[in-house]
Amino acid sequence: MSRRKKGRVLQRFEYITYRAVAGFAARLSEESALRWGTRLGSLSSVVLRGRASLALRNLRATFPEKTKHEIRAIAKECWRHFGRALIEYIRMQRMPLRDIQNRVEVVNSHLLDESYARGNGTILISAHLGSWEVGGLAVMSLVENVHTVTRALDNELLERDLARIRSRTGANMIDRRHAARPLMKALSHNGRVVMLPDQAVQAREGILSPFLGRPAWTTPAPAKLAARHGSTIVFVFCIPAKNGHRLEFEQPIRVDQLTEAERDPAALTARINDVISRRIASRPELWLWMHDRWKGTGESEPPDGQ
C-alpha cells in the first residue's frame, strides 16, 4: 500500500535536521557518539509518548511474568539502544565498505556458501533487532547478487539519500509494493534475497501466526517464495558487541528437504516467527517494541481509560 508523501516544507525541514545531525555525528569520537546516542534515545522516549506507552503495553503483554520495574528497565534500555544505533548507522553511512567489514565480526558465514552451492537461491531472514541497518550494509558488502526488499520513506529527500547509500554496495533494492516478480527472478538465478518479516501487515496481505506467543498478522511471502523455488532460508542478526557488531548467520532451513506439510506457508511462516521470537526473547532490549506489531488483532489496544 502506498504512503502519502509529506508536504514539501515538512520534508525539507526533516531533511535539513537529518543532515545537521549527520554532520554532527560524523565529527564525534566513538565514546561521544555512544553518549549522544544514549541521550537521543532517552529524549525520544519522552517526546514520543504514544510510542513509549505502546512499547510498555507490548512488553507487559509479552512478558507477564516480569515485574513493572523489569518491564520499564527493558523499555528504557530499548530506547537508549536505538538512539545509539541511529547515531552509529549515520556515522557508518560514509565509511568505505572495507572499514564497515572491519567493524563487524561475521559468525557462521559458511552457511551462506553452503546455501549458494545448493542453488535455488537463498532467503536471508532478519528482524528489526539490534543494528539491522548496519547488518544490511555488512551483508551487502560481503556477498554479491543481493536483493533487499524495502519500504519507501514518506520523505522523498531522505529516500534519495538512503538510496545513494545503499547503492554503494551494489545491492538491488526492490520496492515491497512490486516485489513478487523481481524476487522470483532473483531466486531463479540463485540470488540472495534479504527480508525482514517481523513487522505488522494488513489482514488482507498476511496470515495470523504466533509471534512472541501471541497471534500477529504476518506476511507469508518468505515462506511462499522459499516453497516455490526450493530455496534455503538462512537467518541473520546483527548484534552489538564489545568492539563493534556480530553478524550472526544461523538456523538454515533447507526447504527442498521439507515434507509437503512442512512447506505449507502457514507452517513455514510459524517456523520463521519462532526463530525470530526466540532471538527477541533472549535480548528483548534490542527489539523495536514501539512498533505496533499486533495491530488489527485486538492485542495492541490500550486498556479502557489509558
C-alpha atoms as a PDB file:
ATOM      1  CA  MET A   1       0.000   0.000   0.000  1.00  0.00           C
ATOM      2  CA  SER A   2       1.445   3.366  -0.991  1.00  0.00           C
ATOM      3  CA  ARG A   3       2.092   6.013   1.610  1.00  0.00           C
ATOM      4  CA  ARG A   4       1.008   9.620   1.190  1.00  0.00           C
ATOM      5  CA  LYS A   5       4.054  11.846   0.895  1.00  0.00           C
ATOM      6  CA  LYS A   6       4.531  14.654   3.397  1.00  0.00           C
ATOM      7  CA  GLY A   7       4.331  18.297   2.377  1.00  0.00           C
ATOM      8  CA  ARG A   8       7.477  19.783   0.825  1.00  0.00           C
ATOM      9  CA  VAL A   9       8.084  22.213   3.692  1.00  0.00           C
ATOM     10  CA  LEU A  10       7.978  19.413   6.275  1.00  0.00           C
ATOM     11  CA  GLN A  11      10.147  17.190   4.084  1.00  0.00           C
ATOM     12  CA  ARG A  12      12.770  19.896   3.730  1.00  0.00           C
ATOM     13  CA  PHE A  13      12.727  20.626   7.475  1.00  0.00           C
ATOM     14  CA  GLU A  14      13.215  16.934   8.269  1.00  0.00           C
ATOM     15  CA  TYR A  15      15.976  16.657   5.686  1.00  0.00           C
ATOM     16  CA  ILE A  16      17.859  19.716   6.965  1.00  0.00           C
ATOM     17  CA  THR A  17      17.551  18.394  10.521  1.00  0.00           C
ATOM     18  CA  TYR A  18      18.835  14.990   9.418  1.00  0.00           C
ATOM     19  CA  ARG A  19      21.814  16.485   7.557  1.00  0.00           C
ATOM     20  CA  ALA A  20      22.685  18.616  10.599  1.00  0.00           C
ATOM     21  CA  VAL A  21      22.569  15.556  12.863  1.00  0.00           C
ATOM     22  CA  ALA A  22      24.602  13.534  10.335  1.00  0.00           C
ATOM     23  CA  GLY A  23      27.261  16.235  10.147  1.00  0.00           C
ATOM     24  CA  PHE A  24      27.416  16.476  13.925  1.00  0.00           C
ATOM     25  CA  ALA A  25      27.593  12.680  14.342  1.00  0.00           C
ATOM     26  CA  ALA A  26      30.425  12.385  11.805  1.00  0.00           C
ATOM     27  CA  ARG A  27      32.632  14.640  13.945  1.00  0.00           C
ATOM     28  CA  LEU A  28      32.103  12.714  17.179  1.00  0.00           C
ATOM     29  CA  SER A  29      34.575  10.323  18.732  1.00  0.00           C
ATOM     30  CA  GLU A  30      33.424   6.738  19.382  1.00  0.00           C
ATOM     31  CA  GLU A  31      32.822   7.465  23.070  1.00  0.00           C
ATOM     32  CA  SER A  32      30.974  10.708  22.393  1.00  0.00           C
ATOM     33  CA  ALA A  33      28.793   9.022  19.760  1.00  0.00           C
ATOM     34  CA  LEU A  34      27.671   6.440  22.311  1.00  0.00           C
ATOM     35  CA  ARG A  35      26.865   9.126  24.873  1.00  0.00           C
ATOM     36  CA  TRP A  36      24.936  11.290  22.430  1.00  0.00           C
ATOM     37  CA  GLY A  37      23.096   8.268  21.044  1.00  0.00           C
ATOM     38  CA  THR A  38      22.004   7.301  24.548  1.00  0.00           C
ATOM     39  CA  ARG A  39      20.773  10.842  25.174  1.00  0.00           C
ATOM     40  CA  LEU A  40      18.896  10.890  21.878  1.00  0.00           C
ATOM     41  CA  GLY A  41      17.157   7.621  22.720  1.00  0.00           C
ATOM     42  CA  SER A  42      16.160   8.806  26.180  1.00  0.00           C
ATOM     43  CA  LEU A  43      14.836  12.085  24.771  1.00  0.00           C
ATOM     44  CA  SER A  44      12.840  10.230  22.120  1.00  0.00           C
ATOM     45  CA  SER A  45      11.028   8.206  24.779  1.00  0.00           C
ATOM     46  CA  VAL A  46       9.846  11.470  26.339  1.00  0.00           C
ATOM     47  CA  VAL A  47       8.888  13.219  23.099  1.00  0.00           C
ATOM     48  CA  LEU A  48       7.220  10.177  21.506  1.00  0.00           C
ATOM     49  CA  ARG A  49       4.908   9.439  24.425  1.00  0.00           C
ATOM     50  CA  GLY A  50       2.425   7.423  22.385  1.00  0.00           C
ATOM     51  CA  ARG A  51       5.159   5.117  21.139  1.00  0.00           C
ATOM     52  CA  ALA A  52       6.623   4.854  24.641  1.00  0.00           C
ATOM     53  CA  SER A  53       3.230   3.755  26.003  1.00  0.00           C
ATOM     54  CA  LEU A  54       2.857   1.244  23.169  1.00  0.00           C
ATOM     55  CA  ALA A  55       6.277  -0.230  23.948  1.00  0.00           C
ATOM     56  CA  LEU A  56       5.311  -0.729  27.596  1.00  0.00           C
ATOM     57  CA  ARG A  57       1.994  -2.379  26.641  1.00  0.00           C
ATOM     58  CA  ASN A  58       3.744  -4.712  24.213  1.00  0.00           C
ATOM     59  CA  LEU A  59       6.334  -5.678  26.821  1.00  0.00           C
ATOM     60  CA  ARG A  60       3.747  -6.289  29.549  1.00  0.00           C
ATOM     61  CA  ALA A  61       1.642  -8.492  27.265  1.00  0.00           C
ATOM     62  CA  THR A  62       4.671 -10.463  26.076  1.00  0.00           C
ATOM     63  CA  PHE A  63       6.333 -10.942  29.460  1.00  0.00           C
ATOM     64  CA  PRO A  64       3.511 -11.099  32.045  1.00  0.00           C
ATOM     65  CA  GLU A  65       5.863 -12.815  34.483  1.00  0.00           C
ATOM     66  CA  LYS A  66       8.157  -9.775  34.702  1.00  0.00           C
ATOM     67  CA  THR A  67       7.742  -7.041  37.313  1.00  0.00           C
ATOM     68  CA  LYS A  68       6.889  -3.439  36.443  1.00  0.00           C
ATOM     69  CA  HIS A  69      10.453  -2.494  37.294  1.00  0.00           C
ATOM     70  CA  GLU A  70      11.849  -5.104  34.893  1.00  0.00           C
ATOM     71  CA  ILE A  71       9.488  -4.016  32.107  1.00  0.00           C
ATOM     72  CA  ARG A  72      10.415  -0.367  32.494  1.00  0.00           C
ATOM     73  CA  ALA A  73      14.118  -1.222  32.587  1.00  0.00           C
ATOM     74  CA  ILE A  74      13.830  -3.123  29.283  1.00  0.00           C
ATOM     75  CA  ALA A  75      11.884  -0.275  27.688  1.00  0.00           C
ATOM     76  CA  LYS A  76      14.383   2.307  28.915  1.00  0.00           C
ATOM     77  CA  GLU A  77      17.345   0.402  27.508  1.00  0.00           C
ATOM     78  CA  CYS A  78      15.435  -0.243  24.280  1.00  0.00           C
ATOM     79  CA  TRP A  79      15.075   3.495  23.628  1.00  0.00           C
ATOM     80  CA  ARG A  80      18.719   4.081  24.521  1.00  0.00           C
ATOM     81  CA  HIS A  81      19.860   1.277  22.239  1.00  0.00           C
ATOM     82  CA  PHE A  82      18.007   2.633  19.218  1.00  0.00           C
ATOM     83  CA  GLY A  83      19.353   6.124  19.848  1.00  0.00           C
ATOM     84  CA  ARG A  84      22.874   4.706  19.786  1.00  0.00           C
ATOM     85  CA  ALA A  85      22.072   2.519  16.771  1.00  0.00           C
ATOM     86  CA  LEU A  86      20.774   5.517  14.817  1.00  0.00           C
ATOM     87  CA  ILE A  87      23.859   7.640  15.506  1.00  0.00           C
ATOM     88  CA  GLU A  88      26.160   4.752  14.650  1.00  0.00           C
ATOM     89  CA  TYR A  89      24.344   3.964  11.405  1.00  0.00           C
ATOM     90  CA  ILE A  90      24.528   7.615  10.358  1.00  0.00           C
ATOM     91  CA  ARG A  91      28.279   7.573  11.041  1.00  0.00           C
ATOM     92  CA  MET A  92      28.829   4.321   9.141  1.00  0.00           C
ATOM     93  CA  GLN A  93      26.988   5.540   6.034  1.00  0.00           C
ATOM     94  CA  ARG A  94      30.083   7.467   4.972  1.00  0.00           C
ATOM     95  CA  MET A  95      32.584   4.734   5.727  1.00  0.00           C
ATOM     96  CA  PRO A  96      34.292   2.709   2.972  1.00  0.00           C
ATOM     97  CA  LEU A  97      32.895  -0.813   2.751  1.00  0.00           C
ATOM     98  CA  ARG A  98      36.205  -2.266   3.900  1.00  0.00           C
ATOM     99  CA  ASP A  99      36.005  -0.246   7.123  1.00  0.00           C
ATOM    100  CA  ILE A 100      32.456  -1.493   7.711  1.00  0.00           C
ATOM    101  CA  GLN A 101      33.633  -5.084   7.289  1.00  0.00           C
ATOM    102  CA  ASN A 102      36.427  -4.483   9.811  1.00  0.00           C
ATOM    103  CA  ARG A 103      33.890  -3.328  12.410  1.00  0.00           C
ATOM    104  CA  VAL A 104      31.639  -6.358  12.034  1.00  0.00           C
ATOM    105  CA  GLU A 105      32.603  -9.848  13.208  1.00  0.00           C
ATOM    106  CA  VAL A 106      30.972 -12.443  10.967  1.00  0.00           C
ATOM    107  CA  VAL A 107      29.833 -15.730  12.534  1.00  0.00           C
ATOM    108  CA  ASN A 108      28.952 -18.864  10.527  1.00  0.00           C
ATOM    109  CA  SER A 109      29.453 -17.282   7.103  1.00  0.00           C
ATOM    110  CA  HIS A 110      29.947 -20.821   5.752  1.00  0.00           C
ATOM    111  CA  LEU A 111      26.155 -21.182   5.853  1.00  0.00           C
ATOM    112  CA  LEU A 112      25.923 -18.656   3.022  1.00  0.00           C
ATOM    113  CA  ASP A 113      28.496 -20.570   0.970  1.00  0.00           C
ATOM    114  CA  GLU A 114      26.690 -23.857   1.528  1.00  0.00           C
ATOM    115  CA  SER A 115      23.359 -22.336   0.566  1.00  0.00           C
ATOM    116  CA  TYR A 116      24.799 -20.838  -2.606  1.00  0.00           C
ATOM    117  CA  ALA A 117      26.313 -24.191  -3.551  1.00  0.00           C
ATOM    118  CA  ARG A 118      22.907 -25.849  -3.206  1.00  0.00           C
ATOM    119  CA  GLY A 119      21.415 -23.480  -5.774  1.00  0.00           C
ATOM    120  CA  ASN A 120      17.760 -22.356  -5.918  1.00  0.00           C
ATOM    121  CA  GLY A 121      18.549 -19.087  -4.166  1.00  0.00           C
ATOM    122  CA  THR A 122      18.852 -18.020  -0.541  1.00  0.00           C
ATOM    123  CA  ILE A 123      16.332 -16.093   1.531  1.00  0.00           C
ATOM    124  CA  LEU A 124      18.095 -14.234   4.330  1.00  0.00           C
ATOM    125  CA  ILE A 125      15.634 -13.601   7.151  1.00  0.00           C
ATOM    126  CA  SER A 126      16.366 -10.908   9.709  1.00  0.00           C
ATOM    127  CA  ALA A 127      14.354  -8.649  12.005  1.00  0.00           C
ATOM    128  CA  HIS A 128      14.292  -5.142  13.425  1.00  0.00           C
ATOM    129  CA  LEU A 129      16.580  -6.390  16.154  1.00  0.00           C
ATOM    130  CA  GLY A 130      19.941  -4.999  17.171  1.00  0.00           C
ATOM    131  CA  SER A 131      21.566  -2.948  14.394  1.00  0.00           C
ATOM    132  CA  TRP A 132      19.759  -4.280  11.338  1.00  0.00           C
ATOM    133  CA  GLU A 133      20.748  -1.399   9.054  1.00  0.00           C
ATOM    134  CA  VAL A 134      24.421  -1.920   9.888  1.00  0.00           C
ATOM    135  CA  GLY A 135      23.895  -5.631   9.300  1.00  0.00           C
ATOM    136  CA  GLY A 136      22.373  -4.844   5.914  1.00  0.00           C
ATOM    137  CA  LEU A 137      25.420  -2.813   4.892  1.00  0.00           C
ATOM    138  CA  ALA A 138      27.691  -5.621   6.081  1.00  0.00           C
ATOM    139  CA  VAL A 139      25.809  -8.349   4.196  1.00  0.00           C
ATOM    140  CA  MET A 140      25.741  -6.308   1.017  1.00  0.00           C
ATOM    141  CA  SER A 141      29.473  -5.645   1.278  1.00  0.00           C
ATOM    142  CA  LEU A 142      30.299  -9.319   1.877  1.00  0.00           C
ATOM    143  CA  VAL A 143      28.453 -11.099  -0.928  1.00  0.00           C
ATOM    144  CA  GLU A 144      27.269 -10.404  -4.447  1.00  0.00           C
ATOM    145  CA  ASN A 145      23.863 -10.769  -6.071  1.00  0.00           C
ATOM    146  CA  VAL A 146      21.973  -9.411  -3.043  1.00  0.00           C
ATOM    147  CA  HIS A 147      18.398  -8.184  -3.358  1.00  0.00           C
ATOM    148  CA  THR A 148      16.666  -6.482  -0.458  1.00  0.00           C
ATOM    149  CA  VAL A 149      13.000  -5.600  -0.046  1.00  0.00           C
ATOM    150  CA  THR A 150      12.486  -2.008   1.098  1.00  0.00           C
ATOM    151  CA  ARG A 151       9.592   0.248   2.017  1.00  0.00           C
ATOM    152  CA  ALA A 152       9.721   3.750   0.547  1.00  0.00           C
ATOM    153  CA  LEU A 153      10.027   6.565   3.085  1.00  0.00           C
ATOM    154  CA  ASP A 154       7.376   9.275   3.184  1.00  0.00           C
ATOM    155  CA  ASN A 155      10.135  11.857   2.748  1.00  0.00           C
ATOM    156  CA  GLU A 156      11.439  11.945  -0.827  1.00  0.00           C
ATOM    157  CA  LEU A 157      14.647  13.803   0.086  1.00  0.00           C
ATOM    158  CA  LEU A 158      15.594  11.262   2.750  1.00  0.00           C
ATOM    159  CA  GLU A 159      14.595   8.433   0.421  1.00  0.00           C
ATOM    160  CA  ARG A 160      17.051   9.650  -2.250  1.00  0.00           C
ATOM    161  CA  ASP A 161      19.839   9.911   0.321  1.00  0.00           C
ATOM    162  CA  LEU A 162      19.169   6.402   1.579  1.00  0.00           C
ATOM    163  CA  ALA A 163      19.077   5.037  -1.970  1.00  0.00           C
ATOM    164  CA  ARG A 164      22.502   6.550  -2.718  1.00  0.00           C
ATOM    165  CA  ILE A 165      23.965   4.987   0.413  1.00  0.00           C
ATOM    166  CA  ARG A 166      22.584   1.560  -0.363  1.00  0.00           C
ATOM    167  CA  SER A 167      23.674   1.737  -3.999  1.00  0.00           C
ATOM    168  CA  ARG A 168      27.334   1.886  -2.904  1.00  0.00           C
ATOM    169  CA  THR A 169      27.141  -1.795  -2.050  1.00  0.00           C
ATOM    170  CA  GLY A 170      25.877  -2.855  -5.462  1.00  0.00           C
ATOM    171  CA  ALA A 171      22.776  -4.440  -3.947  1.00  0.00           C
ATOM    172  CA  ASN A 172      19.445  -4.353  -5.774  1.00  0.00           C
ATOM    173  CA  MET A 173      16.677  -2.512  -3.905  1.00  0.00           C
ATOM    174  CA  ILE A 174      13.154  -3.800  -4.517  1.00  0.00           C
ATOM    175  CA  ASP A 175      10.035  -1.833  -3.573  1.00  0.00           C
ATOM    176  CA  ARG A 176       7.840  -4.083  -1.429  1.00  0.00           C
ATOM    177  CA  ARG A 177       4.742  -2.953  -3.349  1.00  0.00           C
ATOM    178  CA  HIS A 178       6.029  -4.550  -6.565  1.00  0.00           C
ATOM    179  CA  ALA A 179       8.366  -7.174  -5.183  1.00  0.00           C
ATOM    180  CA  ALA A 180       6.910 -10.532  -6.299  1.00  0.00           C
ATOM    181  CA  ARG A 181       8.258 -10.791  -9.840  1.00  0.00           C
ATOM    182  CA  PRO A 182      11.763  -9.345  -9.151  1.00  0.00           C
ATOM    183  CA  LEU A 183      12.169 -11.648  -6.137  1.00  0.00           C
ATOM    184  CA  MET A 184      11.182 -14.737  -8.095  1.00  0.00           C
ATOM    185  CA  LYS A 185      13.623 -13.776 -10.850  1.00  0.00           C
ATOM    186  CA  ALA A 186      16.408 -13.245  -8.310  1.00  0.00           C
ATOM    187  CA  LEU A 187      15.883 -16.636  -6.685  1.00  0.00           C
ATOM    188  CA  SER A 188      15.711 -18.370 -10.066  1.00  0.00           C
ATOM    189  CA  HIS A 189      19.226 -17.004 -10.687  1.00  0.00           C
ATOM    190  CA  ASN A 190      20.463 -18.265  -7.306  1.00  0.00           C
ATOM    191  CA  GLY A 191      20.408 -14.782  -5.799  1.00  0.00           C
ATOM    192  CA  ARG A 192      20.296 -13.809  -2.141  1.00  0.00           C
ATOM    193  CA  VAL A 193      17.127 -12.082  -1.004  1.00  0.00           C
ATOM    194  CA  VAL A 194      17.014 -10.177   2.300  1.00  0.00           C
ATOM    195  CA  MET A 195      13.651  -9.900   4.064  1.00  0.00           C
ATOM    196  CA  LEU A 196      12.585  -8.602   7.498  1.00  0.00           C
ATOM    197  CA  PRO A 197       9.128 -10.124   8.146  1.00  0.00           C
ATOM    198  CA  ASP A 198       8.726  -9.098  11.805  1.00  0.00           C
ATOM    199  CA  GLN A 199       6.503  -6.076  11.227  1.00  0.00           C
ATOM    200  CA  ALA A 200       2.725  -5.991  11.080  1.00  0.00           C
ATOM    201  CA  VAL A 201       0.919  -6.220   7.748  1.00  0.00           C
ATOM    202  CA  GLN A 202      -2.714  -5.650   6.911  1.00  0.00           C
ATOM    203  CA  ALA A 203      -5.039  -8.617   7.281  1.00  0.00           C
ATOM    204  CA  ARG A 204      -5.581  -8.870   3.533  1.00  0.00           C
ATOM    205  CA  GLU A 205      -1.811  -9.178   2.996  1.00  0.00           C
ATOM    206  CA  GLY A 206      -0.952 -11.657   5.734  1.00  0.00           C
ATOM    207  CA  ILE A 207      -1.884 -14.587   7.904  1.00  0.00           C
ATOM    208  CA  LEU A 208      -2.318 -14.822  11.663  1.00  0.00           C
ATOM    209  CA  SER A 209       0.751 -16.552  13.022  1.00  0.00           C
ATOM    210  CA  PRO A 210       2.173 -16.847  16.558  1.00  0.00           C
ATOM    211  CA  PHE A 211       4.766 -14.186  17.302  1.00  0.00           C
ATOM    212  CA  LEU A 212       6.243 -13.999  20.785  1.00  0.00           C
ATOM    213  CA  GLY A 213       3.368 -16.127  22.000  1.00  0.00           C
ATOM    214  CA  ARG A 214       0.542 -14.033  20.531  1.00  0.00           C
ATOM    215  CA  PRO A 215      -1.129 -14.173  17.093  1.00  0.00           C
ATOM    216  CA  ALA A 216       0.053 -11.397  14.787  1.00  0.00           C
ATOM    217  CA  TRP A 217      -0.634 -10.563  11.166  1.00  0.00           C
ATOM    218  CA  THR A 218       2.474 -11.748   9.346  1.00  0.00           C
ATOM    219  CA  THR A 219       3.495 -11.761   5.704  1.00  0.00           C
ATOM    220  CA  PRO A 220       3.714 -15.296   4.266  1.00  0.00           C
ATOM    221  CA  ALA A 221       5.850 -14.023   1.351  1.00  0.00           C
ATOM    222  CA  PRO A 222       9.184 -15.538   2.519  1.00  0.00           C
ATOM    223  CA  ALA A 223       7.561 -18.937   3.060  1.00  0.00           C
ATOM    224  CA  LYS A 224       5.758 -18.887  -0.283  1.00  0.00           C
ATOM    225  CA  LEU A 225       8.888 -17.853  -2.185  1.00  0.00           C
ATOM    226  CA  ALA A 226      11.038 -20.461  -0.481  1.00  0.00           C
ATOM    227  CA  ALA A 227       8.495 -23.226  -1.084  1.00  0.00           C
ATOM    228  CA  ARG A 228       8.035 -22.301  -4.733  1.00  0.00           C
ATOM    229  CA  HIS A 229      11.763 -22.278  -5.551  1.00  0.00           C
ATOM    230  CA  GLY A 230      13.075 -24.794  -3.020  1.00  0.00           C
ATOM    231  CA  SER A 231      15.275 -22.019  -1.649  1.00  0.00           C
ATOM    232  CA  THR A 232      17.301 -22.256   1.542  1.00  0.00           C
ATOM    233  CA  ILE A 233      16.282 -19.944   4.380  1.00  0.00           C
ATOM    234  CA  VAL A 234      19.170 -18.608   6.474  1.00  0.00           C
ATOM    235  CA  PHE A 235      18.607 -16.351   9.482  1.00  0.00           C
ATOM    236  CA  VAL A 236      20.965 -13.442  10.133  1.00  0.00           C
ATOM    237  CA  PHE A 237      21.051 -10.969  13.015  1.00  0.00           C
ATOM    238  CA  CYS A 238      23.399  -8.060  13.715  1.00  0.00           C
ATOM    239  CA  ILE A 239      24.006  -7.826  17.453  1.00  0.00           C
ATOM    240  CA  PRO A 240      26.014  -5.101  19.253  1.00  0.00           C
ATOM    241  CA  ALA A 241      29.319  -6.426  20.595  1.00  0.00           C
ATOM    242  CA  LYS A 242      32.076  -5.001  22.754  1.00  0.00           C
ATOM    243  CA  ASN A 243      34.179  -3.765  19.862  1.00  0.00           C
ATOM    244  CA  GLY A 244      31.539  -3.291  17.179  1.00  0.00           C
ATOM    245  CA  HIS A 245      28.956  -5.815  15.965  1.00  0.00           C
ATOM    246  CA  ARG A 246      28.477  -9.527  15.452  1.00  0.00           C
ATOM    247  CA  LEU A 247      26.760 -10.553  12.229  1.00  0.00           C
ATOM    248  CA  GLU A 248      25.418 -13.990  13.117  1.00  0.00           C
ATOM    249  CA  PHE A 249      24.138 -16.433  10.497  1.00  0.00           C
ATOM    250  CA  GLU A 250      22.154 -19.374  11.868  1.00  0.00           C
ATOM    251  CA  GLN A 251      19.283 -21.843  11.650  1.00  0.00           C
ATOM    252  CA  PRO A 252      19.282 -22.790   7.935  1.00  0.00           C
ATOM    253  CA  ILE A 253      16.022 -24.302   6.726  1.00  0.00           C
ATOM    254  CA  ARG A 254      16.573 -26.424   3.611  1.00  0.00           C
ATOM    255  CA  VAL A 255      13.102 -26.053   2.199  1.00  0.00           C
ATOM    256  CA  ASP A 256      13.686 -28.528  -0.622  1.00  0.00           C
ATOM    257  CA  GLN A 257      14.058 -31.254   2.026  1.00  0.00           C
ATOM    258  CA  LEU A 258      10.828 -30.462   3.872  1.00  0.00           C
ATOM    259  CA  THR A 259       7.656 -32.505   3.666  1.00  0.00           C
ATOM    260  CA  GLU A 260       4.610 -31.088   1.906  1.00  0.00           C
ATOM    261  CA  ALA A 261       3.021 -30.285   5.257  1.00  0.00           C
ATOM    262  CA  GLU A 262       6.181 -28.506   6.456  1.00  0.00           C
ATOM    263  CA  ARG A 263       6.316 -26.458   3.241  1.00  0.00           C
ATOM    264  CA  ASP A 264       2.787 -25.161   3.789  1.00  0.00           C
ATOM    265  CA  PRO A 265       3.003 -21.334   4.023  1.00  0.00           C
ATOM    266  CA  ALA A 266       1.273 -21.178   7.409  1.00  0.00           C
ATOM    267  CA  ALA A 267       3.522 -23.857   8.913  1.00  0.00           C
ATOM    268  CA  LEU A 268       6.699 -22.381   7.458  1.00  0.00           C
ATOM    269  CA  THR A 269       5.733 -18.839   8.491  1.00  0.00           C
ATOM    270  CA  ALA A 270       5.162 -20.068  12.056  1.00  0.00           C
ATOM    271  CA  ARG A 271       8.604 -21.661  11.981  1.00  0.00           C
ATOM    272  CA  ILE A 272      10.178 -18.413  10.809  1.00  0.00           C
ATOM    273  CA  ASN A 273       8.349 -16.463  13.519  1.00  0.00           C
ATOM    274  CA  ASP A 274       9.519 -18.951  16.124  1.00  0.00           C
ATOM    275  CA  VAL A 275      13.200 -18.367  15.321  1.00  0.00           C
ATOM    276  CA  ILE A 276      12.758 -14.590  15.369  1.00  0.00           C
ATOM    277  CA  SER A 277      10.739 -14.756  18.599  1.00  0.00           C
ATOM    278  CA  ARG A 278      13.387 -16.799  20.384  1.00  0.00           C
ATOM    279  CA  ARG A 279      16.038 -14.296  19.334  1.00  0.00           C
ATOM    280  CA  ILE A 280      13.985 -11.363  20.610  1.00  0.00           C
ATOM    281  CA  ALA A 281      13.208 -13.099  23.912  1.00  0.00           C
ATOM    282  CA  SER A 282      16.927 -13.645  24.516  1.00  0.00           C
ATOM    283  CA  ARG A 283      17.724  -9.903  24.119  1.00  0.00           C
ATOM    284  CA  PRO A 284      14.400  -8.039  24.424  1.00  0.00           C
ATOM    285  CA  GLU A 285      16.065  -4.647  24.852  1.00  0.00           C
ATOM    286  CA  LEU A 286      17.302  -4.848  21.246  1.00  0.00           C
ATOM    287  CA  TRP A 287      13.920  -5.162  19.504  1.00  0.00           C
ATOM    288  CA  LEU A 288      11.579  -2.431  18.240  1.00  0.00           C
ATOM    289  CA  TRP A 289       8.845  -2.653  20.895  1.00  0.00           C
ATOM    290  CA  MET A 290       7.474   0.770  19.892  1.00  0.00           C
ATOM    291  CA  HIS A 291       6.201  -0.780  16.640  1.00  0.00           C
ATOM    292  CA  ASP A 292       2.534  -1.847  16.660  1.00  0.00           C
ATOM    293  CA  ARG A 293       3.309  -5.495  15.860  1.00  0.00           C
ATOM    294  CA  TRP A 294      -0.099  -6.801  16.974  1.00  0.00           C
ATOM    295  CA  LYS A 295      -2.106  -4.184  15.079  1.00  0.00           C
ATOM    296  CA  GLY A 296      -5.506  -5.382  13.931  1.00  0.00           C
ATOM    297  CA  THR A 297      -5.652  -8.336  16.315  1.00  0.00           C
ATOM    298  CA  GLY A 298      -7.022  -6.576  19.410  1.00  0.00           C
ATOM    299  CA  GLU A 299      -3.768  -7.429  21.192  1.00  0.00           C
ATOM    300  CA  SER A 300      -2.317  -3.931  20.993  1.00  0.00           C
ATOM    301  CA  GLU A 301      -5.312  -1.855  22.083  1.00  0.00           C
ATOM    302  CA  PRO A 302      -4.783   0.196  25.272  1.00  0.00           C
ATOM    303  CA  PRO A 303      -6.919  -0.690  28.270  1.00  0.00           C
ATOM    304  CA  ASP A 304     -10.015   1.468  28.917  1.00  0.00           C
ATOM    305  CA  GLY A 305      -9.024   4.776  30.409  1.00  0.00           C
ATOM    306  CA  GLN A 306      -5.389   4.634  29.305  1.00  0.00           C
END
